[in-house]
Structure formats: structure tokens, C-alpha cells
Amino acid sequence: MSVAEKVAEGRVLLEEVALRYANQHGLREIKVEWTDQGYEWWMKAVDAQHTVRVVFSPDEIVMFTEKMPENKETKAKIRNAFASLSM
């Protein structure tokens, strides 16, 4: 599998995690957008009243496709971004 394919797969998996956290925080009808900055990817989850942004390195996205312990840190990064809505 090429790096581009792994990045595409990783983005899908990260979106699933983000949508789960969004749902837990009461956000509905979420739209997830990705922006390639060349050296990092920006994921933006948007609903009618909120925007949550999380930045990932390409390596982090690729590692997310593999069952690695570091994935817990990536999930925590997403969880913390959505937790900021509660403040």
C-alpha cells in the first residue's frame, strides 16, 4: 500500500473517531473537512454552531492505520479538542 493510500485510510479512521466524540458532545450534522498544508494535515469538524480543529502530521495519520500504542495519544488529541467545547 502506498503512503498516499495509507494517508487516505488514516483520514477515514480519524474522521470516525472525531465523529464519535462529536456525537458524545451533542454535535449533529457534522461536516469534516481536510486541508493539506504540505507538512501537516488540518482536520476541521463543523456543525451549525461549532468548529473543532485538529492538526496531524502525515506520519501520525499513517501510524493511525496500524494498531500502535501511539494511537492513544492521537485519540486523546481529538478528545481534548472536542472537550474544549465544554469550557
Protein backbone atom coordinates (compact mmCIF):
# COMPACT_ATOMS: atom_id res chain seq x y z
CA MET A 1 0.00 0.00 0.00
CA SER A 2 1.39 3.41 -0.94
CA VAL A 3 1.84 6.28 1.51
CA ALA A 4 -0.97 8.21 -0.19
CA GLU A 5 -3.31 5.24 0.29
CA LYS A 6 -2.33 4.94 3.95
CA VAL A 7 -2.94 8.67 4.47
CA ALA A 8 -6.37 8.32 2.84
CA GLU A 9 -7.20 5.32 5.03
CA GLY A 10 -5.89 7.08 8.15
CA ARG A 11 -8.01 10.15 7.44
CA VAL A 12 -11.13 7.97 7.26
CA LEU A 13 -10.27 6.31 10.58
CA LEU A 14 -9.56 9.67 12.24
CA GLU A 15 -12.86 11.04 10.95
CA GLU A 16 -14.67 8.10 12.55
CA VAL A 17 -13.06 8.90 15.90
CA ALA A 18 -13.87 12.60 15.55
CA LEU A 19 -17.49 11.89 14.67
CA ARG A 20 -17.84 9.64 17.73
CA TYR A 21 -16.54 12.40 20.01
CA ALA A 22 -18.72 14.97 18.25
CA ASN A 23 -21.77 12.80 18.84
CA GLN A 24 -20.85 12.41 22.53
CA HIS A 25 -20.74 16.20 22.83
CA GLY A 26 -24.17 16.60 21.26
CA LEU A 27 -23.00 17.85 17.88
CA ARG A 28 -25.15 16.74 14.97
CA GLU A 29 -24.87 17.02 11.22
CA ILE A 30 -21.10 17.33 11.37
CA LYS A 31 -19.14 18.03 8.23
CA VAL A 32 -15.45 17.02 8.32
CA GLU A 33 -13.03 18.91 6.07
CA TRP A 34 -9.35 18.20 5.49
CA THR A 35 -6.72 20.69 4.38
CA ASP A 36 -3.28 19.54 3.21
CA GLN A 37 -0.71 22.11 4.32
CA GLY A 38 2.11 20.11 2.74
CA TYR A 39 3.88 19.36 6.02
CA GLU A 40 0.74 18.70 8.09
CA TRP A 41 -2.97 17.98 7.66
CA TRP A 42 -5.70 20.04 9.29
CA MET A 43 -8.97 18.30 10.14
CA LYS A 44 -11.90 20.58 10.79
CA ALA A 45 -15.22 19.27 12.15
CA VAL A 46 -18.03 21.78 11.67
CA ASP A 47 -21.68 21.94 12.63
CA ALA A 48 -24.08 24.89 12.61
CA GLN A 49 -22.65 26.40 15.82
CA HIS A 50 -19.20 24.90 16.41
CA THR A 51 -15.87 24.34 14.72
CA VAL A 52 -13.25 21.97 16.10
CA ARG A 53 -9.78 21.85 14.54
CA VAL A 54 -7.10 19.21 14.99
CA VAL A 55 -3.68 19.17 13.29
CA PHE A 56 -1.92 15.93 12.32
CA SER A 57 1.44 15.15 10.80
CA PRO A 58 1.38 12.83 7.78
CA ASP A 59 3.35 10.27 9.83
CA GLU A 60 0.74 10.40 12.59
CA ILE A 61 -2.03 9.73 10.07
CA VAL A 62 -0.14 6.78 8.57
CA MET A 63 0.61 5.35 12.04
CA PHE A 64 -3.10 5.55 12.86
CA THR A 65 -3.77 2.88 10.23
CA GLU A 66 -1.60 0.49 12.23
CA LYS A 67 -2.51 -0.84 15.66
CA MET A 68 0.16 1.03 17.61
CA PRO A 69 0.21 2.26 21.21
CA GLU A 70 0.84 5.81 19.96
CA ASN A 71 -2.71 5.85 18.58
CA LYS A 72 -3.95 6.50 22.12
CA GLU A 73 -2.18 9.86 22.03
CA THR A 74 -3.80 10.71 18.72
CA LYS A 75 -7.24 9.79 20.04
CA ALA A 76 -6.56 11.90 23.15
CA LYS A 77 -5.68 14.85 20.92
CA ILE A 78 -9.06 14.57 19.19
CA ARG A 79 -10.89 14.04 22.50
CA ASN A 80 -9.24 17.13 24.00
CA ALA A 81 -10.18 19.25 21.00
CA PHE A 82 -13.84 18.34 21.49
CA ALA A 83 -13.58 18.72 25.29
CA SER A 84 -12.73 22.38 24.73
CA LEU A 85 -16.37 22.84 23.66
CA SER A 86 -17.45 22.15 27.24
CA MET A 87 -15.41 25.03 28.64
